[in-house]
């Protein structure tokens, strides 16, 4: 099972800006981190909906805020702290908090014009 994200209004026709995919083992930790850093960006319903691939919509403004917060988290050590805590509590589960994937997701968010989660 995977999560397919489709841009609502990508800045270019480049597939990198129009589509993002992650399998469940990588998506759930990624979204858990988004939920962690975006307490003031997403409401409780949107946070919960991110764990399901049923068409939840993230607006352009929210996507840009997510991207900005992700980028900041790489410089202020928030990501490293989250990853260390995540890895300690999820050993042997198969879930993987992957830095490169989150960087790719941050770029997708910035350039997507908002997105839907399928």
PDB file of N, CA and C in Angstrom:
ATOM      1  N   UNK A   1       0.847  -1.176   0.000  1.00  0.00           N
ATOM      2  CA  UNK A   1       0.000   0.000   0.000  1.00  0.00           C
ATOM      3  C   UNK A   1       0.890   1.235   0.000  1.00  0.00           C
ATOM      4  N   UNK A   2       0.457   2.236  -0.727  1.00  0.00           N
ATOM      5  CA  UNK A   2       1.219   3.469  -0.804  1.00  0.00           C
ATOM      6  C   UNK A   2       0.319   4.681  -0.717  1.00  0.00           C
ATOM      7  N   UNK A   3       0.962   5.805  -0.636  1.00  0.00           N
ATOM      8  CA  UNK A   3       0.270   7.085  -0.602  1.00  0.00           C
ATOM      9  C   UNK A   3       0.725   7.880  -1.813  1.00  0.00           C
ATOM     10  N   UNK A   4      -0.231   8.245  -2.649  1.00  0.00           N
ATOM     11  CA  UNK A   4       0.028   9.010  -3.858  1.00  0.00           C
ATOM     12  C   UNK A   4      -0.520  10.410  -3.652  1.00  0.00           C
ATOM     13  N   UNK A   5       0.343  11.404  -3.807  1.00  0.00           N
ATOM     14  CA  UNK A   5      -0.058  12.794  -3.651  1.00  0.00           C
ATOM     15  C   UNK A   5      -0.031  13.469  -5.009  1.00  0.00           C
ATOM     16  N   UNK A   6      -1.111  14.164  -5.319  1.00  0.00           N
ATOM     17  CA  UNK A   6      -1.239  14.857  -6.593  1.00  0.00           C
ATOM     18  C   UNK A   6      -1.335  16.356  -6.339  1.00  0.00           C
ATOM     19  N   UNK A   7      -0.480  17.101  -7.009  1.00  0.00           N
ATOM     20  CA  UNK A   7      -0.467  18.550  -6.876  1.00  0.00           C
ATOM     21  C   UNK A   7      -1.761  19.145  -7.411  1.00  0.00           C
ATOM     22  N   UNK A   8      -2.251  20.176  -6.747  1.00  0.00           N
ATOM     23  CA  UNK A   8      -3.457  20.874  -7.207  1.00  0.00           C
ATOM     24  C   UNK A   8      -3.131  21.907  -8.275  1.00  0.00           C
ATOM     25  N   UNK A   9      -1.999  22.584  -8.135  1.00  0.00           N
ATOM     26  CA  UNK A   9      -1.614  23.626  -9.085  1.00  0.00           C
ATOM     27  C   UNK A   9      -0.086  23.732  -9.123  1.00  0.00           C
ATOM     28  N   UNK A  10       0.590  22.719  -9.694  1.00  0.00           N
ATOM     29  CA  UNK A  10       2.053  22.724  -9.683  1.00  0.00           C
ATOM     30  C   UNK A  10       2.632  23.901 -10.454  1.00  0.00           C
ATOM     31  N   UNK A  11       3.802  24.362 -10.004  1.00  0.00           N
ATOM     32  CA  UNK A  11       4.400  25.539 -10.645  1.00  0.00           C
ATOM     33  C   UNK A  11       4.897  25.251 -12.050  1.00  0.00           C
ATOM     34  N   UNK A  12       5.155  23.969 -12.348  1.00  0.00           N
ATOM     35  CA  UNK A  12       5.560  23.570 -13.704  1.00  0.00           C
ATOM     36  C   UNK A  12       4.892  22.242 -14.032  1.00  0.00           C
ATOM     37  N   UNK A  13       5.055  21.806 -15.266  1.00  0.00           N
ATOM     38  CA  UNK A  13       4.543  20.498 -15.670  1.00  0.00           C
ATOM     39  C   UNK A  13       5.494  19.369 -15.276  1.00  0.00           C
ATOM     40  N   UNK A  14       6.604  19.696 -14.640  1.00  0.00           N
ATOM     41  CA  UNK A  14       7.580  18.722 -14.205  1.00  0.00           C
ATOM     42  C   UNK A  14       6.927  17.735 -13.236  1.00  0.00           C
ATOM     43  N   UNK A  15       7.089  16.441 -13.478  1.00  0.00           N
ATOM     44  CA  UNK A  15       6.466  15.415 -12.624  1.00  0.00           C
ATOM     45  C   UNK A  15       6.880  15.579 -11.166  1.00  0.00           C
ATOM     46  N   UNK A  16       8.091  16.061 -10.932  1.00  0.00           N
ATOM     47  CA  UNK A  16       8.588  16.281  -9.570  1.00  0.00           C
ATOM     48  C   UNK A  16       7.674  17.234  -8.796  1.00  0.00           C
ATOM     49  N   UNK A  17       7.066  18.178  -9.487  1.00  0.00           N
ATOM     50  CA  UNK A  17       6.190  19.141  -8.832  1.00  0.00           C
ATOM     51  C   UNK A  17       4.734  18.686  -8.813  1.00  0.00           C
ATOM     52  N   UNK A  18       4.402  17.694  -9.623  1.00  0.00           N
ATOM     53  CA  UNK A  18       3.014  17.291  -9.754  1.00  0.00           C
ATOM     54  C   UNK A  18       2.626  16.025  -9.024  1.00  0.00           C
ATOM     55  N   UNK A  19       3.621  15.241  -8.597  1.00  0.00           N
ATOM     56  CA  UNK A  19       3.301  13.933  -8.031  1.00  0.00           C
ATOM     57  C   UNK A  19       4.358  13.543  -7.007  1.00  0.00           C
ATOM     58  N   UNK A  20       3.903  12.963  -5.895  1.00  0.00           N
ATOM     59  CA  UNK A  20       4.804  12.449  -4.863  1.00  0.00           C
ATOM     60  C   UNK A  20       4.227  11.134  -4.373  1.00  0.00           C
ATOM     61  N   UNK A  21       5.095  10.157  -4.162  1.00  0.00           N
ATOM     62  CA  UNK A  21       4.634   8.849  -3.700  1.00  0.00           C
ATOM     63  C   UNK A  21       5.542   8.326  -2.601  1.00  0.00           C
ATOM     64  N   UNK A  22       4.925   7.687  -1.619  1.00  0.00           N
ATOM     65  CA  UNK A  22       5.674   7.000  -0.563  1.00  0.00           C
ATOM     66  C   UNK A  22       4.881   5.768  -0.149  1.00  0.00           C
ATOM     67  N   UNK A  23       5.596   4.672   0.107  1.00  0.00           N
ATOM     68  CA  UNK A  23       4.875   3.508   0.614  1.00  0.00           C
ATOM     69  C   UNK A  23       4.530   3.729   2.082  1.00  0.00           C
ATOM     70  N   UNK A  24       3.667   2.902   2.599  1.00  0.00           N
ATOM     71  CA  UNK A  24       3.149   3.093   3.950  1.00  0.00           C
ATOM     72  C   UNK A  24       4.261   3.102   4.993  1.00  0.00           C
ATOM     73  N   UNK A  25       5.324   2.347   4.778  1.00  0.00           N
ATOM     74  CA  UNK A  25       6.408   2.249   5.769  1.00  0.00           C
ATOM     75  C   UNK A  25       7.194   3.543   5.897  1.00  0.00           C
ATOM     76  N   UNK A  26       7.155   4.369   4.863  1.00  0.00           N
ATOM     77  CA  UNK A  26       7.847   5.652   4.889  1.00  0.00           C
ATOM     78  C   UNK A  26       6.876   6.819   5.087  1.00  0.00           C
ATOM     79  N   UNK A  27       5.658   6.674   4.541  1.00  0.00           N
ATOM     80  CA  UNK A  27       4.697   7.769   4.636  1.00  0.00           C
ATOM     81  C   UNK A  27       4.253   8.038   6.075  1.00  0.00           C
ATOM     82  N   UNK A  28       3.911   7.006   6.807  1.00  0.00           N
ATOM     83  CA  UNK A  28       3.379   7.225   8.158  1.00  0.00           C
ATOM     84  C   UNK A  28       4.373   7.946   9.064  1.00  0.00           C
ATOM     85  N   UNK A  29       5.664   7.578   9.059  1.00  0.00           N
ATOM     86  CA  UNK A  29       6.614   8.372   9.851  1.00  0.00           C
ATOM     87  C   UNK A  29       6.757   9.799   9.328  1.00  0.00           C
ATOM     88  N   UNK A  30       6.731   9.970   7.995  1.00  0.00           N
ATOM     89  CA  UNK A  30       6.814  11.303   7.424  1.00  0.00           C
ATOM     90  C   UNK A  30       5.641  12.152   7.898  1.00  0.00           C
ATOM     91  N   UNK A  31       4.434  11.591   7.810  1.00  0.00           N
ATOM     92  CA  UNK A  31       3.258  12.354   8.223  1.00  0.00           C
ATOM     93  C   UNK A  31       3.246  12.590   9.730  1.00  0.00           C
ATOM     94  N   UNK A  32       3.759  11.643  10.498  1.00  0.00           N
ATOM     95  CA  UNK A  32       3.861  11.840  11.954  1.00  0.00           C
ATOM     96  C   UNK A  32       4.753  13.049  12.245  1.00  0.00           C
ATOM     97  N   UNK A  33       5.817  13.204  11.468  1.00  0.00           N
ATOM     98  CA  UNK A  33       6.689  14.361  11.659  1.00  0.00           C
ATOM     99  C   UNK A  33       5.986  15.647  11.249  1.00  0.00           C
ATOM    100  N   UNK A  34       5.263  15.616  10.134  1.00  0.00           N
ATOM    101  CA  UNK A  34       4.485  16.791   9.723  1.00  0.00           C
ATOM    102  C   UNK A  34       3.498  17.165  10.826  1.00  0.00           C
ATOM    103  N   UNK A  35       2.810  16.182  11.342  1.00  0.00           N
ATOM    104  CA  UNK A  35       1.847  16.417  12.426  1.00  0.00           C
ATOM    105  C   UNK A  35       2.549  17.050  13.638  1.00  0.00           C
ATOM    106  N   UNK A  36       3.725  16.567  13.946  1.00  0.00           N
ATOM    107  CA  UNK A  36       4.511  17.049  15.090  1.00  0.00           C
ATOM    108  C   UNK A  36       4.902  18.521  14.937  1.00  0.00           C
ATOM    109  N   UNK A  37       5.334  18.911  13.741  1.00  0.00           N
ATOM    110  CA  UNK A  37       5.827  20.291  13.565  1.00  0.00           C
ATOM    111  C   UNK A  37       4.756  21.267  13.095  1.00  0.00           C
ATOM    112  N   UNK A  38       3.589  20.772  12.724  1.00  0.00           N
ATOM    113  CA  UNK A  38       2.546  21.638  12.151  1.00  0.00           C
ATOM    114  C   UNK A  38       1.318  21.732  13.053  1.00  0.00           C
ATOM    115  N   UNK A  39       1.540  21.806  14.338  1.00  0.00           N
ATOM    116  CA  UNK A  39       0.426  21.903  15.277  1.00  0.00           C
ATOM    117  C   UNK A  39      -0.475  23.104  14.979  1.00  0.00           C
ATOM    118  N   UNK A  40       0.115  24.205  14.517  1.00  0.00           N
ATOM    119  CA  UNK A  40      -0.663  25.414  14.259  1.00  0.00           C
ATOM    120  C   UNK A  40      -1.039  25.581  12.788  1.00  0.00           C
ATOM    121  N   UNK A  41      -0.654  24.628  11.950  1.00  0.00           N
ATOM    122  CA  UNK A  41      -0.916  24.714  10.509  1.00  0.00           C
ATOM    123  C   UNK A  41      -2.085  23.838  10.091  1.00  0.00           C
ATOM    124  N   UNK A  42      -2.211  22.669  10.725  1.00  0.00           N
ATOM    125  CA  UNK A  42      -3.262  21.714  10.384  1.00  0.00           C
ATOM    126  C   UNK A  42      -4.182  21.514  11.577  1.00  0.00           C
ATOM    127  N   UNK A  43      -5.485  21.411  11.310  1.00  0.00           N
ATOM    128  CA  UNK A  43      -6.397  21.121  12.413  1.00  0.00           C
ATOM    129  C   UNK A  43      -6.391  19.620  12.697  1.00  0.00           C
ATOM    130  N   UNK A  44      -7.044  19.209  13.762  1.00  0.00           N
ATOM    131  CA  UNK A  44      -7.009  17.801  14.174  1.00  0.00           C
ATOM    132  C   UNK A  44      -7.537  16.870  13.088  1.00  0.00           C
ATOM    133  N   UNK A  45      -8.566  17.282  12.396  1.00  0.00           N
ATOM    134  CA  UNK A  45      -9.137  16.469  11.328  1.00  0.00           C
ATOM    135  C   UNK A  45      -8.146  16.286  10.178  1.00  0.00           C
ATOM    136  N   UNK A  46      -7.454  17.354   9.808  1.00  0.00           N
ATOM    137  CA  UNK A  46      -6.468  17.279   8.726  1.00  0.00           C
ATOM    138  C   UNK A  46      -5.275  16.419   9.130  1.00  0.00           C
ATOM    139  N   UNK A  47      -4.864  16.530  10.381  1.00  0.00           N
ATOM    140  CA  UNK A  47      -3.749  15.701  10.857  1.00  0.00           C
ATOM    141  C   UNK A  47      -4.122  14.227  10.762  1.00  0.00           C
ATOM    142  N   UNK A  48      -5.296  13.877  11.226  1.00  0.00           N
ATOM    143  CA  UNK A  48      -5.748  12.483  11.193  1.00  0.00           C
ATOM    144  C   UNK A  48      -5.922  12.000   9.750  1.00  0.00           C
ATOM    145  N   UNK A  49      -6.481  12.847   8.889  1.00  0.00           N
ATOM    146  CA  UNK A  49      -6.755  12.467   7.500  1.00  0.00           C
ATOM    147  C   UNK A  49      -5.475  12.165   6.725  1.00  0.00           C
ATOM    148  N   UNK A  50      -4.352  12.718   7.145  1.00  0.00           N
ATOM    149  CA  UNK A  50      -3.090  12.463   6.470  1.00  0.00           C
ATOM    150  C   UNK A  50      -2.627  11.024   6.548  1.00  0.00           C
ATOM    151  N   UNK A  51      -3.189  10.262   7.465  1.00  0.00           N
ATOM    152  CA  UNK A  51      -2.825   8.847   7.606  1.00  0.00           C
ATOM    153  C   UNK A  51      -3.659   7.937   6.701  1.00  0.00           C
ATOM    154  N   UNK A  52      -4.576   8.536   5.963  1.00  0.00           N
ATOM    155  CA  UNK A  52      -5.452   7.767   5.077  1.00  0.00           C
ATOM    156  C   UNK A  52      -5.307   8.288   3.654  1.00  0.00           C
ATOM    157  N   UNK A  53      -5.473   7.422   2.704  1.00  0.00           N
ATOM    158  CA  UNK A  53      -5.318   7.836   1.309  1.00  0.00           C
ATOM    159  C   UNK A  53      -6.681   7.942   0.628  1.00  0.00           C
ATOM    160  N   UNK A  54      -7.536   8.776   1.205  1.00  0.00           N
ATOM    161  CA  UNK A  54      -8.898   8.904   0.684  1.00  0.00           C
ATOM    162  C   UNK A  54      -9.209  10.295   0.131  1.00  0.00           C
ATOM    163  N   UNK A  55      -8.184  10.986  -0.362  1.00  0.00           N
ATOM    164  CA  UNK A  55      -8.428  12.241  -1.063  1.00  0.00           C
ATOM    165  C   UNK A  55      -8.391  13.504  -0.225  1.00  0.00           C
ATOM    166  N   UNK A  56      -7.845  13.450   0.983  1.00  0.00           N
ATOM    167  CA  UNK A  56      -7.745  14.652   1.802  1.00  0.00           C
ATOM    168  C   UNK A  56      -7.016  15.753   1.032  1.00  0.00           C
ATOM    169  N   UNK A  57      -7.492  16.973   1.164  1.00  0.00           N
ATOM    170  CA  UNK A  57      -6.906  18.115   0.460  1.00  0.00           C
ATOM    171  C   UNK A  57      -6.098  18.969   1.430  1.00  0.00           C
ATOM    172  N   UNK A  58      -4.891  19.282   1.020  1.00  0.00           N
ATOM    173  CA  UNK A  58      -4.038  20.240   1.732  1.00  0.00           C
ATOM    174  C   UNK A  58      -3.925  21.465   0.824  1.00  0.00           C
ATOM    175  N   UNK A  59      -4.313  22.611   1.343  1.00  0.00           N
ATOM    176  CA  UNK A  59      -4.335  23.830   0.533  1.00  0.00           C
ATOM    177  C   UNK A  59      -2.921  24.300   0.174  1.00  0.00           C
ATOM    178  N   UNK A  60      -2.862  25.207  -0.781  1.00  0.00           N
ATOM    179  CA  UNK A  60      -1.583  25.785  -1.199  1.00  0.00           C
ATOM    180  C   UNK A  60      -0.876  26.439  -0.018  1.00  0.00           C
ATOM    181  N   UNK A  61      -1.608  27.206   0.766  1.00  0.00           N
ATOM    182  CA  UNK A  61      -1.021  27.890   1.911  1.00  0.00           C
ATOM    183  C   UNK A  61      -0.494  26.891   2.930  1.00  0.00           C
ATOM    184  N   UNK A  62      -1.273  25.844   3.196  1.00  0.00           N
ATOM    185  CA  UNK A  62      -0.824  24.825   4.143  1.00  0.00           C
ATOM    186  C   UNK A  62       0.409  24.099   3.616  1.00  0.00           C
ATOM    187  N   UNK A  63       0.413  23.761   2.333  1.00  0.00           N
ATOM    188  CA  UNK A  63       1.549  23.062   1.735  1.00  0.00           C
ATOM    189  C   UNK A  63       2.815  23.907   1.841  1.00  0.00           C
ATOM    190  N   UNK A  64       2.701  25.203   1.603  1.00  0.00           N
ATOM    191  CA  UNK A  64       3.865  26.084   1.711  1.00  0.00           C
ATOM    192  C   UNK A  64       4.339  26.186   3.159  1.00  0.00           C
ATOM    193  N   UNK A  65       3.402  26.243   4.093  1.00  0.00           N
ATOM    194  CA  UNK A  65       3.779  26.284   5.514  1.00  0.00           C
ATOM    195  C   UNK A  65       4.457  24.987   5.936  1.00  0.00           C
ATOM    196  N   UNK A  66       3.936  23.856   5.461  1.00  0.00           N
ATOM    197  CA  UNK A  66       4.562  22.564   5.763  1.00  0.00           C
ATOM    198  C   UNK A  66       5.993  22.564   5.243  1.00  0.00           C
ATOM    199  N   UNK A  67       6.188  22.996   4.001  1.00  0.00           N
ATOM    200  CA  UNK A  67       7.526  23.033   3.411  1.00  0.00           C
ATOM    201  C   UNK A  67       8.459  23.907   4.236  1.00  0.00           C
ATOM    202  N   UNK A  68       8.008  25.089   4.593  1.00  0.00           N
ATOM    203  CA  UNK A  68       8.844  26.006   5.374  1.00  0.00           C
ATOM    204  C   UNK A  68       9.218  25.413   6.729  1.00  0.00           C
ATOM    205  N   UNK A  69       8.258  24.762   7.379  1.00  0.00           N
ATOM    206  CA  UNK A  69       8.531  24.173   8.697  1.00  0.00           C
ATOM    207  C   UNK A  69       9.472  22.974   8.579  1.00  0.00           C
ATOM    208  N   UNK A  70       9.319  22.202   7.514  1.00  0.00           N
ATOM    209  CA  UNK A  70      10.232  21.083   7.301  1.00  0.00           C
ATOM    210  C   UNK A  70      11.655  21.599   7.098  1.00  0.00           C
ATOM    211  N   UNK A  71      11.815  22.606   6.265  1.00  0.00           N
ATOM    212  CA  UNK A  71      13.149  23.150   6.007  1.00  0.00           C
ATOM    213  C   UNK A  71      13.779  23.704   7.279  1.00  0.00           C
ATOM    214  N   UNK A  72      12.992  24.396   8.083  1.00  0.00           N
ATOM    215  CA  UNK A  72      13.495  24.910   9.353  1.00  0.00           C
ATOM    216  C   UNK A  72      13.897  23.766  10.283  1.00  0.00           C
ATOM    217  N   UNK A  73      13.138  22.685  10.268  1.00  0.00           N
ATOM    218  CA  UNK A  73      13.420  21.558  11.164  1.00  0.00           C
ATOM    219  C   UNK A  73      14.758  20.901  10.863  1.00  0.00           C
ATOM    220  N   UNK A  74      15.238  21.039   9.639  1.00  0.00           N
ATOM    221  CA  UNK A  74      16.531  20.461   9.286  1.00  0.00           C
ATOM    222  C   UNK A  74      17.680  21.291   9.847  1.00  0.00           C
ATOM    223  N   UNK A  75      17.458  22.580  10.040  1.00  0.00           N
ATOM    224  CA  UNK A  75      18.532  23.453  10.529  1.00  0.00           C
ATOM    225  C   UNK A  75      18.518  23.638  12.036  1.00  0.00           C
ATOM    226  N   UNK A  76      17.363  23.491  12.658  1.00  0.00           N
ATOM    227  CA  UNK A  76      17.300  23.719  14.113  1.00  0.00           C
ATOM    228  C   UNK A  76      17.318  22.428  14.935  1.00  0.00           C
ATOM    229  N   UNK A  77      17.636  21.307  14.285  1.00  0.00           N
ATOM    230  CA  UNK A  77      17.777  20.003  14.946  1.00  0.00           C
ATOM    231  C   UNK A  77      16.451  19.353  15.349  1.00  0.00           C
ATOM    232  N   UNK A  78      15.309  19.956  15.002  1.00  0.00           N
ATOM    233  CA  UNK A  78      14.022  19.344  15.326  1.00  0.00           C
ATOM    234  C   UNK A  78      13.878  17.996  14.637  1.00  0.00           C
ATOM    235  N   UNK A  79      14.276  17.917  13.365  1.00  0.00           N
ATOM    236  CA  UNK A  79      14.164  16.649  12.655  1.00  0.00           C
ATOM    237  C   UNK A  79      15.024  15.579  13.313  1.00  0.00           C
ATOM    238  N   UNK A  80      16.283  15.904  13.621  1.00  0.00           N
ATOM    239  CA  UNK A  80      17.174  14.907  14.222  1.00  0.00           C
ATOM    240  C   UNK A  80      16.631  14.388  15.546  1.00  0.00           C
ATOM    241  N   UNK A  81      16.076  15.266  16.360  1.00  0.00           N
ATOM    242  CA  UNK A  81      15.502  14.849  17.638  1.00  0.00           C
ATOM    243  C   UNK A  81      14.309  13.921  17.397  1.00  0.00           C
ATOM    244  N   UNK A  82      13.417  14.323  16.481  1.00  0.00           N
ATOM    245  CA  UNK A  82      12.252  13.495  16.170  1.00  0.00           C
ATOM    246  C   UNK A  82      12.692  12.124  15.663  1.00  0.00           C
ATOM    247  N   UNK A  83      13.644  12.101  14.734  1.00  0.00           N
ATOM    248  CA  UNK A  83      14.108  10.839  14.153  1.00  0.00           C
ATOM    249  C   UNK A  83      14.708   9.927  15.222  1.00  0.00           C
ATOM    250  N   UNK A  84      15.525  10.484  16.088  1.00  0.00           N
ATOM    251  CA  UNK A  84      16.127   9.674  17.155  1.00  0.00           C
ATOM    252  C   UNK A  84      15.059   9.082  18.061  1.00  0.00           C
ATOM    253  N   UNK A  85      14.089   9.903  18.464  1.00  0.00           N
ATOM    254  CA  UNK A  85      12.994   9.417  19.315  1.00  0.00           C
ATOM    255  C   UNK A  85      12.151   8.379  18.576  1.00  0.00           C
ATOM    256  N   UNK A  86      11.865   8.650  17.314  1.00  0.00           N
ATOM    257  CA  UNK A  86      11.063   7.730  16.507  1.00  0.00           C
ATOM    258  C   UNK A  86      11.763   6.382  16.375  1.00  0.00           C
ATOM    259  N   UNK A  87      13.035   6.418  16.033  1.00  0.00           N
ATOM    260  CA  UNK A  87      13.794   5.180  15.845  1.00  0.00           C
ATOM    261  C   UNK A  87      13.851   4.351  17.132  1.00  0.00           C
ATOM    262  N   UNK A  88      13.970   5.008  18.283  1.00  0.00           N
ATOM    263  CA  UNK A  88      14.016   4.295  19.563  1.00  0.00           C
ATOM    264  C   UNK A  88      12.698   3.596  19.864  1.00  0.00           C
ATOM    265  N   UNK A  89      11.595   4.234  19.544  1.00  0.00           N
ATOM    266  CA  UNK A  89      10.284   3.673  19.902  1.00  0.00           C
ATOM    267  C   UNK A  89       9.693   2.773  18.820  1.00  0.00           C
ATOM    268  N   UNK A  90      10.318   2.714  17.661  1.00  0.00           N
ATOM    269  CA  UNK A  90       9.760   1.927  16.557  1.00  0.00           C
ATOM    270  C   UNK A  90      10.737   0.882  16.023  1.00  0.00           C
ATOM    271  N   UNK A  91      11.624   0.390  16.851  1.00  0.00           N
ATOM    272  CA  UNK A  91      12.556  -0.638  16.387  1.00  0.00           C
ATOM    273  C   UNK A  91      11.778  -1.904  16.045  1.00  0.00           C
ATOM    274  N   UNK A  92      12.131  -2.493  14.926  1.00  0.00           N
ATOM    275  CA  UNK A  92      11.506  -3.741  14.507  1.00  0.00           C
ATOM    276  C   UNK A  92      10.131  -3.622  13.895  1.00  0.00           C
ATOM    277  N   UNK A  93       9.643  -2.391  13.662  1.00  0.00           N
ATOM    278  CA  UNK A  93       8.299  -2.219  13.103  1.00  0.00           C
ATOM    279  C   UNK A  93       8.291  -2.158  11.587  1.00  0.00           C
ATOM    280  N   UNK A  94       9.412  -1.848  10.990  1.00  0.00           N
ATOM    281  CA  UNK A  94       9.467  -1.678   9.538  1.00  0.00           C
ATOM    282  C   UNK A  94       9.267  -0.235   9.106  1.00  0.00           C
ATOM    283  N   UNK A  95       8.804   0.629  10.009  1.00  0.00           N
ATOM    284  CA  UNK A  95       8.624   2.043   9.670  1.00  0.00           C
ATOM    285  C   UNK A  95       9.981   2.728   9.639  1.00  0.00           C
ATOM    286  N   UNK A  96      10.150   3.653   8.688  1.00  0.00           N
ATOM    287  CA  UNK A  96      11.434   4.290   8.483  1.00  0.00           C
ATOM    288  C   UNK A  96      11.249   5.793   8.327  1.00  0.00           C
ATOM    289  N   UNK A  97      11.865   6.557   9.189  1.00  0.00           N
ATOM    290  CA  UNK A  97      11.854   8.016   9.115  1.00  0.00           C
ATOM    291  C   UNK A  97      13.063   8.428   8.280  1.00  0.00           C
ATOM    292  N   UNK A  98      12.831   8.758   7.013  1.00  0.00           N
ATOM    293  CA  UNK A  98      13.892   8.934   6.038  1.00  0.00           C
ATOM    294  C   UNK A  98      14.098  10.403   5.686  1.00  0.00           C
ATOM    295  N   UNK A  99      15.282  10.911   5.968  1.00  0.00           N
ATOM    296  CA  UNK A  99      15.614  12.312   5.722  1.00  0.00           C
ATOM    297  C   UNK A  99      15.444  12.702   4.257  1.00  0.00           C
ATOM    298  N   UNK A 100      16.009  11.902   3.340  1.00  0.00           N
ATOM    299  CA  UNK A 100      15.960  12.245   1.909  1.00  0.00           C
ATOM    300  C   UNK A 100      14.529  12.328   1.397  1.00  0.00           C
ATOM    301  N   UNK A 101      13.684  11.413   1.855  1.00  0.00           N
ATOM    302  CA  UNK A 101      12.283  11.430   1.440  1.00  0.00           C
ATOM    303  C   UNK A 101      11.574  12.681   1.954  1.00  0.00           C
ATOM    304  N   UNK A 102      11.893  13.080   3.160  1.00  0.00           N
ATOM    305  CA  UNK A 102      11.259  14.264   3.731  1.00  0.00           C
ATOM    306  C   UNK A 102      11.730  15.529   3.015  1.00  0.00           C
ATOM    307  N   UNK A 103      12.989  15.570   2.606  1.00  0.00           N
ATOM    308  CA  UNK A 103      13.477  16.700   1.800  1.00  0.00           C
ATOM    309  C   UNK A 103      12.717  16.745   0.477  1.00  0.00           C
ATOM    310  N   UNK A 104      12.567  15.592  -0.156  1.00  0.00           N
ATOM    311  CA  UNK A 104      11.816  15.511  -1.415  1.00  0.00           C
ATOM    312  C   UNK A 104      10.368  15.963  -1.204  1.00  0.00           C
ATOM    313  N   UNK A 105       9.754  15.543  -0.106  1.00  0.00           N
ATOM    314  CA  UNK A 105       8.384  15.945   0.193  1.00  0.00           C
ATOM    315  C   UNK A 105       8.295  17.451   0.427  1.00  0.00           C
ATOM    316  N   UNK A 106       9.269  18.008   1.118  1.00  0.00           N
ATOM    317  CA  UNK A 106       9.281  19.454   1.357  1.00  0.00           C
ATOM    318  C   UNK A 106       9.306  20.218   0.038  1.00  0.00           C
ATOM    319  N   UNK A 107      10.120  19.770  -0.904  1.00  0.00           N
ATOM    320  CA  UNK A 107      10.182  20.420  -2.220  1.00  0.00           C
ATOM    321  C   UNK A 107       8.866  20.256  -2.975  1.00  0.00           C
ATOM    322  N   UNK A 108       8.277  19.065  -2.889  1.00  0.00           N
ATOM    323  CA  UNK A 108       6.967  18.846  -3.513  1.00  0.00           C
ATOM    324  C   UNK A 108       5.943  19.819  -2.928  1.00  0.00           C
ATOM    325  N   UNK A 109       5.897  19.927  -1.618  1.00  0.00           N
ATOM    326  CA  UNK A 109       4.923  20.820  -0.962  1.00  0.00           C
ATOM    327  C   UNK A 109       5.082  22.251  -1.451  1.00  0.00           C
ATOM    328  N   UNK A 110       6.316  22.717  -1.497  1.00  0.00           N
ATOM    329  CA  UNK A 110       6.598  24.093  -1.903  1.00  0.00           C
ATOM    330  C   UNK A 110       6.121  24.388  -3.317  1.00  0.00           C
ATOM    331  N   UNK A 111       6.235  23.412  -4.197  1.00  0.00           N
ATOM    332  CA  UNK A 111       5.948  23.630  -5.614  1.00  0.00           C
ATOM    333  C   UNK A 111       4.618  23.062  -6.097  1.00  0.00           C
ATOM    334  N   UNK A 112       3.839  22.473  -5.204  1.00  0.00           N
ATOM    335  CA  UNK A 112       2.625  21.753  -5.607  1.00  0.00           C
ATOM    336  C   UNK A 112       1.394  22.632  -5.799  1.00  0.00           C
ATOM    337  N   UNK A 113       1.344  23.762  -5.123  1.00  0.00           N
ATOM    338  CA  UNK A 113       0.116  24.558  -5.156  1.00  0.00           C
ATOM    339  C   UNK A 113      -1.003  23.906  -4.352  1.00  0.00           C
ATOM    340  N   UNK A 114      -0.614  23.116  -3.367  1.00  0.00           N
ATOM    341  CA  UNK A 114      -1.572  22.305  -2.597  1.00  0.00           C
ATOM    342  C   UNK A 114      -1.630  20.915  -3.201  1.00  0.00           C
ATOM    343  N   UNK A 115      -2.201  19.970  -2.450  1.00  0.00           N
ATOM    344  CA  UNK A 115      -2.226  18.596  -2.951  1.00  0.00           C
ATOM    345  C   UNK A 115      -3.338  17.780  -2.323  1.00  0.00           C
ATOM    346  N   UNK A 116      -3.615  16.653  -2.962  1.00  0.00           N
ATOM    347  CA  UNK A 116      -4.557  15.673  -2.417  1.00  0.00           C
ATOM    348  C   UNK A 116      -3.792  14.402  -2.105  1.00  0.00           C
ATOM    349  N   UNK A 117      -4.254  13.680  -1.078  1.00  0.00           N
ATOM    350  CA  UNK A 117      -3.615  12.440  -0.648  1.00  0.00           C
ATOM    351  C   UNK A 117      -4.504  11.268  -1.041  1.00  0.00           C
ATOM    352  N   UNK A 118      -3.959  10.379  -1.860  1.00  0.00           N
ATOM    353  CA  UNK A 118      -4.700   9.198  -2.324  1.00  0.00           C
ATOM    354  C   UNK A 118      -3.919   7.935  -2.032  1.00  0.00           C
TER     355      UNK A 118
END
